[in-house]
Amino acid sequence: MSDLYQTSADIRSDVQSLARIERPSAALTLTRSSSLAITTAGTTITWQTEVRNQGFTWSTTDITIPTSGFYLFNFVFKITTTNQTALAELKLNGNLQSFMATNWNTTNAHSFTQMIYCTTSDVVQVVVTPTTNDTIAVTPENGSRPSPLLHIAQLTGVI
């Protein structure tokens, strides 16, 4: 009978090890509960609602990286009024890491994806700069053209 218990314990341990490899060590999805005015001076997105969180800490505009590794960032947003051009930026510790310039209109959602190596305690922010003052619309994750959403998943982690 003791061999059966040991085999069961070994299987549980193997499954837990596989789970750490197969799913991200850290993951986060943030959104807003109200629309956000964005200006031509550039607006850092203030996050209001945590949809899912596995290992992150965050406060309003700042998201703190929990552990060193490669991270995939995906930012999705749409505007409420005019057709225009805008710049969406991903900043790491206040420094520009990557950006997306896009022409947009009220019927399109825009998606920005970037993979970056981050170290423990790095701080991430998302900044949007439109050519005309505007508003980022709020649409739930399961709605048509969800907005704004920031998804972050760690692609590598400590095993």
N, C-alpha and C. Protein backbone atom coordinates (compact mmCIF):
# COMPACT_ATOMS: atom_id res chain seq x y z
N MET A 1 0.81 -1.19 0.00
CA MET A 1 0.00 0.00 0.00
C MET A 1 0.87 1.26 0.00
N SER A 2 2.03 1.21 0.69
CA SER A 2 2.89 2.39 0.75
C SER A 2 3.44 2.73 -0.63
N ASP A 3 3.67 1.71 -1.48
CA ASP A 3 4.12 1.98 -2.85
C ASP A 3 3.07 2.76 -3.64
N LEU A 4 1.80 2.46 -3.41
CA LEU A 4 0.72 3.16 -4.08
C LEU A 4 0.70 4.64 -3.67
N TYR A 5 0.89 4.91 -2.39
CA TYR A 5 0.95 6.30 -1.91
C TYR A 5 2.14 7.04 -2.49
N GLN A 6 3.28 6.35 -2.56
CA GLN A 6 4.48 6.99 -3.12
C GLN A 6 4.29 7.28 -4.61
N THR A 7 3.70 6.32 -5.33
CA THR A 7 3.43 6.53 -6.76
C THR A 7 2.49 7.71 -6.95
N SER A 8 1.46 7.79 -6.13
CA SER A 8 0.52 8.91 -6.21
C SER A 8 1.23 10.24 -5.93
N ALA A 9 2.08 10.28 -4.94
CA ALA A 9 2.84 11.49 -4.61
C ALA A 9 3.76 11.87 -5.76
N ASP A 10 4.41 10.90 -6.37
CA ASP A 10 5.31 11.16 -7.51
C ASP A 10 4.54 11.73 -8.69
N ILE A 11 3.37 11.19 -8.97
CA ILE A 11 2.55 11.68 -10.09
C ILE A 11 2.11 13.11 -9.83
N ARG A 12 1.65 13.42 -8.61
CA ARG A 12 1.25 14.79 -8.28
C ARG A 12 2.41 15.75 -8.46
N SER A 13 3.59 15.35 -8.04
CA SER A 13 4.78 16.20 -8.18
C SER A 13 5.10 16.44 -9.65
N ASP A 14 5.01 15.37 -10.47
CA ASP A 14 5.28 15.51 -11.90
C ASP A 14 4.27 16.43 -12.57
N VAL A 15 2.99 16.31 -12.20
CA VAL A 15 1.94 17.16 -12.77
C VAL A 15 2.19 18.62 -12.39
N GLN A 16 2.57 18.89 -11.15
CA GLN A 16 2.86 20.26 -10.73
C GLN A 16 4.06 20.83 -11.49
N SER A 17 5.08 20.01 -11.71
CA SER A 17 6.24 20.47 -12.48
C SER A 17 5.84 20.78 -13.91
N LEU A 18 5.03 19.93 -14.52
CA LEU A 18 4.56 20.16 -15.88
C LEU A 18 3.71 21.42 -15.96
N ALA A 19 2.86 21.65 -14.98
CA ALA A 19 2.01 22.84 -14.97
C ALA A 19 2.85 24.10 -14.94
N ARG A 20 3.95 24.10 -14.20
CA ARG A 20 4.81 25.29 -14.15
C ARG A 20 5.46 25.54 -15.51
N ILE A 21 5.69 24.50 -16.27
CA ILE A 21 6.29 24.66 -17.59
C ILE A 21 5.25 25.08 -18.62
N GLU A 22 4.07 24.49 -18.57
CA GLU A 22 3.05 24.67 -19.59
C GLU A 22 2.22 25.93 -19.45
N ARG A 23 2.13 26.51 -18.27
CA ARG A 23 1.39 27.75 -18.13
C ARG A 23 2.33 28.82 -17.61
N PRO A 24 2.00 30.08 -17.86
CA PRO A 24 2.92 31.14 -17.45
C PRO A 24 3.12 31.17 -15.94
N SER A 25 4.31 31.55 -15.53
CA SER A 25 4.59 31.73 -14.11
C SER A 25 3.84 32.95 -13.59
N ALA A 26 3.61 33.91 -14.46
CA ALA A 26 2.90 35.13 -14.08
C ALA A 26 2.02 35.57 -15.24
N ALA A 27 0.82 36.05 -14.93
CA ALA A 27 -0.10 36.54 -15.95
C ALA A 27 -1.00 37.60 -15.34
N LEU A 28 -1.42 38.56 -16.17
CA LEU A 28 -2.25 39.66 -15.68
C LEU A 28 -3.10 40.19 -16.82
N THR A 29 -4.35 40.51 -16.53
CA THR A 29 -5.21 41.24 -17.47
C THR A 29 -5.85 42.39 -16.70
N LEU A 30 -5.68 43.60 -17.24
CA LEU A 30 -6.26 44.81 -16.63
C LEU A 30 -7.17 45.50 -17.64
N THR A 31 -8.14 46.25 -17.11
CA THR A 31 -9.03 47.04 -17.96
C THR A 31 -9.48 48.26 -17.17
N ARG A 32 -10.45 48.95 -17.70
CA ARG A 32 -11.03 50.12 -17.02
C ARG A 32 -12.52 49.90 -16.84
N SER A 33 -13.10 50.58 -15.86
CA SER A 33 -14.54 50.52 -15.64
C SER A 33 -15.23 51.78 -16.16
N SER A 34 -14.43 52.78 -16.58
CA SER A 34 -14.99 54.01 -17.15
C SER A 34 -14.09 54.48 -18.29
N SER A 35 -14.67 55.26 -19.21
CA SER A 35 -13.88 55.76 -20.34
C SER A 35 -12.74 56.65 -19.83
N LEU A 36 -11.76 56.87 -20.68
CA LEU A 36 -10.57 57.63 -20.30
C LEU A 36 -10.28 58.69 -21.35
N ALA A 37 -10.23 59.96 -20.93
CA ALA A 37 -9.86 61.05 -21.83
C ALA A 37 -8.36 60.94 -22.13
N ILE A 38 -8.01 61.02 -23.41
CA ILE A 38 -6.61 60.99 -23.82
C ILE A 38 -6.30 62.29 -24.56
N THR A 39 -5.12 62.83 -24.30
CA THR A 39 -4.78 64.14 -24.87
C THR A 39 -3.57 64.06 -25.78
N THR A 40 -3.40 65.11 -26.56
CA THR A 40 -2.28 65.18 -27.50
C THR A 40 -0.94 65.29 -26.78
N ALA A 41 -0.95 65.56 -25.49
CA ALA A 41 0.29 65.58 -24.71
C ALA A 41 0.71 64.16 -24.33
N GLY A 42 -0.17 63.18 -24.53
CA GLY A 42 0.10 61.80 -24.16
C GLY A 42 -0.54 61.49 -22.82
N THR A 43 -1.20 60.35 -22.74
CA THR A 43 -1.90 59.95 -21.52
C THR A 43 -1.45 58.55 -21.12
N THR A 44 -0.95 58.42 -19.90
CA THR A 44 -0.62 57.12 -19.35
C THR A 44 -1.92 56.47 -18.91
N ILE A 45 -2.16 55.25 -19.37
CA ILE A 45 -3.42 54.57 -19.05
C ILE A 45 -3.45 54.28 -17.55
N THR A 46 -4.55 54.69 -16.93
CA THR A 46 -4.80 54.40 -15.52
C THR A 46 -5.72 53.19 -15.47
N TRP A 47 -5.23 52.09 -14.95
CA TRP A 47 -6.01 50.85 -14.90
C TRP A 47 -6.88 50.87 -13.66
N GLN A 48 -8.10 50.36 -13.80
CA GLN A 48 -9.06 50.37 -12.70
C GLN A 48 -9.50 48.99 -12.24
N THR A 49 -9.51 48.03 -13.16
CA THR A 49 -10.10 46.73 -12.86
C THR A 49 -9.14 45.60 -13.23
N GLU A 50 -8.98 44.69 -12.30
CA GLU A 50 -8.18 43.49 -12.53
C GLU A 50 -9.10 42.38 -12.96
N VAL A 51 -8.90 41.86 -14.17
CA VAL A 51 -9.72 40.77 -14.69
C VAL A 51 -9.17 39.43 -14.21
N ARG A 52 -7.86 39.27 -14.28
CA ARG A 52 -7.19 38.07 -13.77
C ARG A 52 -5.78 38.46 -13.34
N ASN A 53 -5.27 37.76 -12.34
CA ASN A 53 -3.93 38.08 -11.84
C ASN A 53 -3.30 36.82 -11.27
N GLN A 54 -2.11 36.55 -11.77
CA GLN A 54 -1.32 35.44 -11.25
C GLN A 54 0.08 35.97 -11.00
N GLY A 55 0.31 36.55 -9.82
CA GLY A 55 1.65 36.92 -9.40
C GLY A 55 2.06 38.37 -9.54
N PHE A 56 1.22 39.24 -10.12
CA PHE A 56 1.60 40.64 -10.33
C PHE A 56 1.13 41.53 -9.19
N THR A 57 1.80 42.67 -9.04
CA THR A 57 1.27 43.77 -8.25
C THR A 57 1.16 44.96 -9.19
N TRP A 58 0.14 45.79 -8.97
CA TRP A 58 -0.06 46.96 -9.82
C TRP A 58 -0.82 48.01 -9.02
N SER A 59 -0.66 49.26 -9.45
CA SER A 59 -1.35 50.37 -8.82
C SER A 59 -1.55 51.45 -9.87
N THR A 60 -2.76 51.76 -10.19
CA THR A 60 -3.17 52.76 -11.19
C THR A 60 -2.40 52.60 -12.50
N THR A 61 -1.34 53.37 -12.73
CA THR A 61 -0.63 53.32 -14.00
C THR A 61 0.54 52.34 -14.02
N ASP A 62 1.02 51.94 -12.85
CA ASP A 62 2.26 51.16 -12.74
C ASP A 62 2.00 49.68 -12.49
N ILE A 63 2.65 48.84 -13.32
CA ILE A 63 2.56 47.39 -13.18
C ILE A 63 3.97 46.90 -12.87
N THR A 64 4.13 46.18 -11.77
CA THR A 64 5.45 45.72 -11.34
C THR A 64 5.66 44.27 -11.77
N ILE A 65 6.78 44.02 -12.43
CA ILE A 65 7.13 42.68 -12.90
C ILE A 65 7.54 41.82 -11.70
N PRO A 66 6.94 40.63 -11.54
CA PRO A 66 7.21 39.82 -10.35
C PRO A 66 8.53 39.05 -10.37
N THR A 67 8.97 38.63 -11.55
CA THR A 67 10.20 37.84 -11.63
C THR A 67 10.81 37.98 -13.02
N SER A 68 12.11 37.87 -13.12
CA SER A 68 12.81 38.04 -14.40
C SER A 68 12.37 37.00 -15.42
N GLY A 69 12.31 37.43 -16.67
CA GLY A 69 11.96 36.52 -17.75
C GLY A 69 11.43 37.28 -18.96
N PHE A 70 11.09 36.53 -20.01
CA PHE A 70 10.47 37.12 -21.19
C PHE A 70 8.98 37.25 -20.94
N TYR A 71 8.42 38.41 -21.30
CA TYR A 71 7.00 38.70 -21.12
C TYR A 71 6.40 39.12 -22.45
N LEU A 72 5.17 38.67 -22.68
CA LEU A 72 4.41 39.08 -23.85
C LEU A 72 3.35 40.08 -23.38
N PHE A 73 3.35 41.26 -23.99
CA PHE A 73 2.41 42.33 -23.66
C PHE A 73 1.47 42.51 -24.83
N ASN A 74 0.17 42.57 -24.56
CA ASN A 74 -0.82 42.83 -25.59
C ASN A 74 -1.77 43.91 -25.07
N PHE A 75 -1.83 45.02 -25.78
CA PHE A 75 -2.69 46.14 -25.42
C PHE A 75 -3.72 46.32 -26.51
N VAL A 76 -5.00 46.30 -26.15
CA VAL A 76 -6.11 46.44 -27.09
C VAL A 76 -6.94 47.65 -26.67
N PHE A 77 -7.30 48.51 -27.63
CA PHE A 77 -8.09 49.70 -27.30
C PHE A 77 -8.87 50.19 -28.50
N LYS A 78 -9.90 51.01 -28.22
CA LYS A 78 -10.63 51.70 -29.29
C LYS A 78 -11.01 53.09 -28.79
N ILE A 79 -11.22 54.01 -29.72
CA ILE A 79 -11.59 55.37 -29.36
C ILE A 79 -13.08 55.58 -29.55
N THR A 80 -13.59 56.72 -29.08
CA THR A 80 -15.03 56.93 -29.13
C THR A 80 -15.49 57.88 -30.23
N THR A 81 -14.62 58.77 -30.72
CA THR A 81 -15.16 59.80 -31.62
C THR A 81 -14.51 59.85 -32.99
N THR A 82 -13.38 60.48 -33.13
CA THR A 82 -12.90 60.89 -34.45
C THR A 82 -11.92 59.92 -35.09
N ASN A 83 -11.79 60.05 -36.41
CA ASN A 83 -10.74 59.36 -37.14
C ASN A 83 -9.45 60.13 -36.94
N GLN A 84 -8.36 59.44 -36.66
CA GLN A 84 -7.10 60.13 -36.45
C GLN A 84 -5.94 59.14 -36.40
N THR A 85 -4.76 59.67 -36.16
CA THR A 85 -3.56 58.87 -35.99
C THR A 85 -3.13 58.96 -34.53
N ALA A 86 -2.55 57.88 -34.03
CA ALA A 86 -2.10 57.90 -32.63
C ALA A 86 -0.88 57.01 -32.46
N LEU A 87 -0.23 57.22 -31.34
CA LEU A 87 0.93 56.44 -30.96
C LEU A 87 0.61 55.74 -29.65
N ALA A 88 0.77 54.42 -29.60
CA ALA A 88 0.64 53.66 -28.35
C ALA A 88 2.04 53.20 -27.98
N GLU A 89 2.43 53.48 -26.74
CA GLU A 89 3.79 53.18 -26.29
C GLU A 89 3.78 52.25 -25.08
N LEU A 90 4.75 51.36 -25.05
CA LEU A 90 5.00 50.53 -23.88
C LEU A 90 6.29 51.04 -23.25
N LYS A 91 6.20 51.47 -21.98
CA LYS A 91 7.37 52.00 -21.29
C LYS A 91 7.80 51.04 -20.19
N LEU A 92 9.10 50.85 -20.06
CA LEU A 92 9.68 50.01 -19.04
C LEU A 92 10.60 50.90 -18.19
N ASN A 93 10.26 51.05 -16.92
CA ASN A 93 11.01 51.93 -16.00
C ASN A 93 11.10 53.35 -16.55
N GLY A 94 10.01 53.82 -17.18
CA GLY A 94 9.94 55.18 -17.71
C GLY A 94 10.56 55.36 -19.07
N ASN A 95 11.19 54.32 -19.62
CA ASN A 95 11.86 54.41 -20.92
C ASN A 95 11.04 53.70 -21.99
N LEU A 96 10.96 54.31 -23.15
CA LEU A 96 10.24 53.71 -24.28
C LEU A 96 10.88 52.38 -24.65
N GLN A 97 10.08 51.32 -24.69
CA GLN A 97 10.55 50.00 -25.11
C GLN A 97 10.11 49.70 -26.52
N SER A 98 8.85 50.02 -26.83
CA SER A 98 8.33 49.77 -28.17
C SER A 98 7.09 50.63 -28.35
N PHE A 99 6.69 50.78 -29.61
CA PHE A 99 5.52 51.60 -29.88
C PHE A 99 4.81 51.12 -31.14
N MET A 100 3.57 51.58 -31.29
CA MET A 100 2.79 51.29 -32.48
C MET A 100 2.13 52.60 -32.90
N ALA A 101 2.36 53.02 -34.11
CA ALA A 101 1.65 54.17 -34.68
C ALA A 101 0.52 53.60 -35.53
N THR A 102 -0.68 54.17 -35.41
CA THR A 102 -1.81 53.61 -36.14
C THR A 102 -2.78 54.71 -36.55
N ASN A 103 -3.44 54.50 -37.67
CA ASN A 103 -4.60 55.31 -38.02
C ASN A 103 -5.80 54.57 -37.48
N TRP A 104 -6.73 55.26 -36.89
CA TRP A 104 -7.87 54.57 -36.32
C TRP A 104 -9.16 55.29 -36.61
N ASN A 105 -10.23 54.59 -36.41
CA ASN A 105 -11.54 55.20 -36.45
C ASN A 105 -12.40 54.54 -35.39
N THR A 106 -13.61 55.00 -35.23
CA THR A 106 -14.46 54.54 -34.12
C THR A 106 -14.92 53.10 -34.28
N THR A 107 -14.79 52.51 -35.45
CA THR A 107 -15.26 51.13 -35.62
C THR A 107 -14.15 50.11 -35.44
N ASN A 108 -12.92 50.54 -35.29
CA ASN A 108 -11.81 49.61 -35.20
C ASN A 108 -11.26 49.51 -33.78
N ALA A 109 -10.89 48.30 -33.40
CA ALA A 109 -10.10 48.11 -32.19
C ALA A 109 -8.65 47.97 -32.65
N HIS A 110 -7.74 48.41 -31.84
CA HIS A 110 -6.33 48.38 -32.22
C HIS A 110 -5.57 47.55 -31.22
N SER A 111 -4.66 46.74 -31.70
CA SER A 111 -3.94 45.81 -30.85
C SER A 111 -2.45 46.02 -31.02
N PHE A 112 -1.75 46.02 -29.93
CA PHE A 112 -0.31 46.26 -29.88
C PHE A 112 0.29 45.09 -29.10
N THR A 113 1.20 44.34 -29.70
CA THR A 113 1.81 43.19 -29.03
C THR A 113 3.33 43.29 -29.11
N GLN A 114 3.97 43.01 -27.98
CA GLN A 114 5.43 43.09 -27.92
C GLN A 114 5.96 42.10 -26.90
N MET A 115 7.07 41.45 -27.22
CA MET A 115 7.75 40.59 -26.27
C MET A 115 9.01 41.30 -25.79
N ILE A 116 9.19 41.36 -24.46
CA ILE A 116 10.33 42.08 -23.87
C ILE A 116 10.88 41.25 -22.71
N TYR A 117 12.20 41.27 -22.56
CA TYR A 117 12.81 40.67 -21.37
C TYR A 117 12.75 41.70 -20.25
N CYS A 118 12.18 41.30 -19.12
CA CYS A 118 12.06 42.18 -17.96
C CYS A 118 12.75 41.53 -16.76
N THR A 119 13.20 42.35 -15.84
CA THR A 119 13.79 41.83 -14.61
C THR A 119 12.86 42.12 -13.44
N THR A 120 13.06 41.40 -12.36
CA THR A 120 12.23 41.55 -11.17
C THR A 120 12.16 43.01 -10.74
N SER A 121 10.97 43.48 -10.46
CA SER A 121 10.66 44.84 -9.98
C SER A 121 10.69 45.91 -11.06
N ASP A 122 10.89 45.54 -12.33
CA ASP A 122 10.71 46.52 -13.40
C ASP A 122 9.27 47.03 -13.36
N VAL A 123 9.07 48.28 -13.79
CA VAL A 123 7.73 48.87 -13.80
C VAL A 123 7.33 49.17 -15.24
N VAL A 124 6.13 48.72 -15.62
CA VAL A 124 5.61 48.87 -16.98
C VAL A 124 4.45 49.86 -16.97
N GLN A 125 4.38 50.69 -18.03
CA GLN A 125 3.27 51.61 -18.24
C GLN A 125 2.90 51.61 -19.72
N VAL A 126 1.64 51.94 -20.01
CA VAL A 126 1.17 52.09 -21.38
C VAL A 126 0.72 53.53 -21.56
N VAL A 127 1.21 54.17 -22.64
CA VAL A 127 0.89 55.58 -22.93
C VAL A 127 0.28 55.66 -24.32
N VAL A 128 -0.81 56.42 -24.45
CA VAL A 128 -1.43 56.66 -25.76
C VAL A 128 -1.40 58.15 -26.04
N THR A 129 -0.93 58.51 -27.25
CA THR A 129 -0.87 59.91 -27.67
C THR A 129 -1.61 60.07 -28.99
N PRO A 130 -2.81 60.68 -28.97
CA PRO A 130 -3.57 60.90 -30.20
C PRO A 130 -3.19 62.23 -30.86
N THR A 131 -3.56 62.41 -32.13
CA THR A 131 -3.33 63.69 -32.80
C THR A 131 -4.40 64.70 -32.43
N THR A 132 -5.55 64.23 -31.92
CA THR A 132 -6.64 65.08 -31.45
C THR A 132 -7.12 64.53 -30.11
N ASN A 133 -7.39 65.40 -29.15
CA ASN A 133 -7.91 64.92 -27.87
C ASN A 133 -9.12 64.02 -28.11
N ASP A 134 -9.22 62.94 -27.38
CA ASP A 134 -10.27 61.96 -27.62
C ASP A 134 -10.54 61.18 -26.34
N THR A 135 -11.25 60.07 -26.47
CA THR A 135 -11.60 59.22 -25.33
C THR A 135 -11.42 57.77 -25.71
N ILE A 136 -10.82 56.97 -24.81
CA ILE A 136 -10.75 55.53 -25.02
C ILE A 136 -12.04 54.94 -24.45
N ALA A 137 -12.75 54.20 -25.29
CA ALA A 137 -14.02 53.60 -24.90
C ALA A 137 -13.80 52.38 -24.03
N VAL A 138 -14.82 52.04 -23.25
CA VAL A 138 -14.78 50.83 -22.43
C VAL A 138 -15.80 49.84 -22.98
N THR A 139 -15.32 48.65 -23.32
CA THR A 139 -16.17 47.55 -23.75
C THR A 139 -15.65 46.30 -23.04
N PRO A 140 -16.52 45.50 -22.42
CA PRO A 140 -16.06 44.33 -21.68
C PRO A 140 -15.29 43.35 -22.55
N GLU A 141 -14.50 42.52 -21.88
CA GLU A 141 -13.65 41.55 -22.55
C GLU A 141 -14.44 40.64 -23.49
N ASN A 142 -15.66 40.30 -23.15
CA ASN A 142 -16.45 39.40 -24.00
C ASN A 142 -17.35 40.18 -24.96
N GLY A 143 -17.15 41.50 -25.08
CA GLY A 143 -17.98 42.32 -25.95
C GLY A 143 -17.37 42.47 -27.33
N SER A 144 -18.08 43.19 -28.18
CA SER A 144 -17.59 43.46 -29.52
C SER A 144 -16.48 44.50 -29.43
N ARG A 145 -15.32 44.18 -29.94
CA ARG A 145 -14.14 45.05 -29.88
C ARG A 145 -13.82 45.49 -28.45
N PRO A 146 -13.41 44.57 -27.57
CA PRO A 146 -13.14 44.91 -26.18
C PRO A 146 -12.09 46.02 -26.05
N SER A 147 -12.24 46.87 -25.04
CA SER A 147 -11.35 48.02 -24.88
C SER A 147 -11.50 48.60 -23.48
N PRO A 148 -10.47 49.22 -22.96
CA PRO A 148 -9.06 48.88 -23.19
C PRO A 148 -8.72 47.65 -22.36
N LEU A 149 -7.85 46.82 -22.87
CA LEU A 149 -7.37 45.65 -22.14
C LEU A 149 -5.86 45.57 -22.28
N LEU A 150 -5.22 45.23 -21.19
CA LEU A 150 -3.79 44.94 -21.21
C LEU A 150 -3.62 43.52 -20.70
N HIS A 151 -3.07 42.65 -21.56
CA HIS A 151 -2.78 41.28 -21.18
C HIS A 151 -1.26 41.14 -21.08
N ILE A 152 -0.78 40.54 -20.01
CA ILE A 152 0.64 40.28 -19.85
C ILE A 152 0.80 38.82 -19.44
N ALA A 153 1.70 38.11 -20.10
CA ALA A 153 1.98 36.71 -19.74
C ALA A 153 3.49 36.50 -19.75
N GLN A 154 3.98 35.89 -18.70
CA GLN A 154 5.40 35.54 -18.66
C GLN A 154 5.60 34.30 -19.51
N LEU A 155 6.55 34.36 -20.42
CA LEU A 155 6.82 33.24 -21.32
C LEU A 155 7.86 32.31 -20.75
N THR A 156 8.70 32.77 -19.84
CA THR A 156 9.69 31.93 -19.19
C THR A 156 9.64 32.22 -17.70
N GLY A 157 10.00 31.26 -16.92
CA GLY A 157 10.00 31.48 -15.49
C GLY A 157 10.91 30.49 -14.80
N VAL A 158 10.96 30.59 -13.51
CA VAL A 158 11.79 29.72 -12.71
C VAL A 158 11.03 28.42 -12.45
N ILE A 159 11.69 27.31 -12.64
CA ILE A 159 11.06 26.00 -12.38
C ILE A 159 11.66 25.42 -11.13
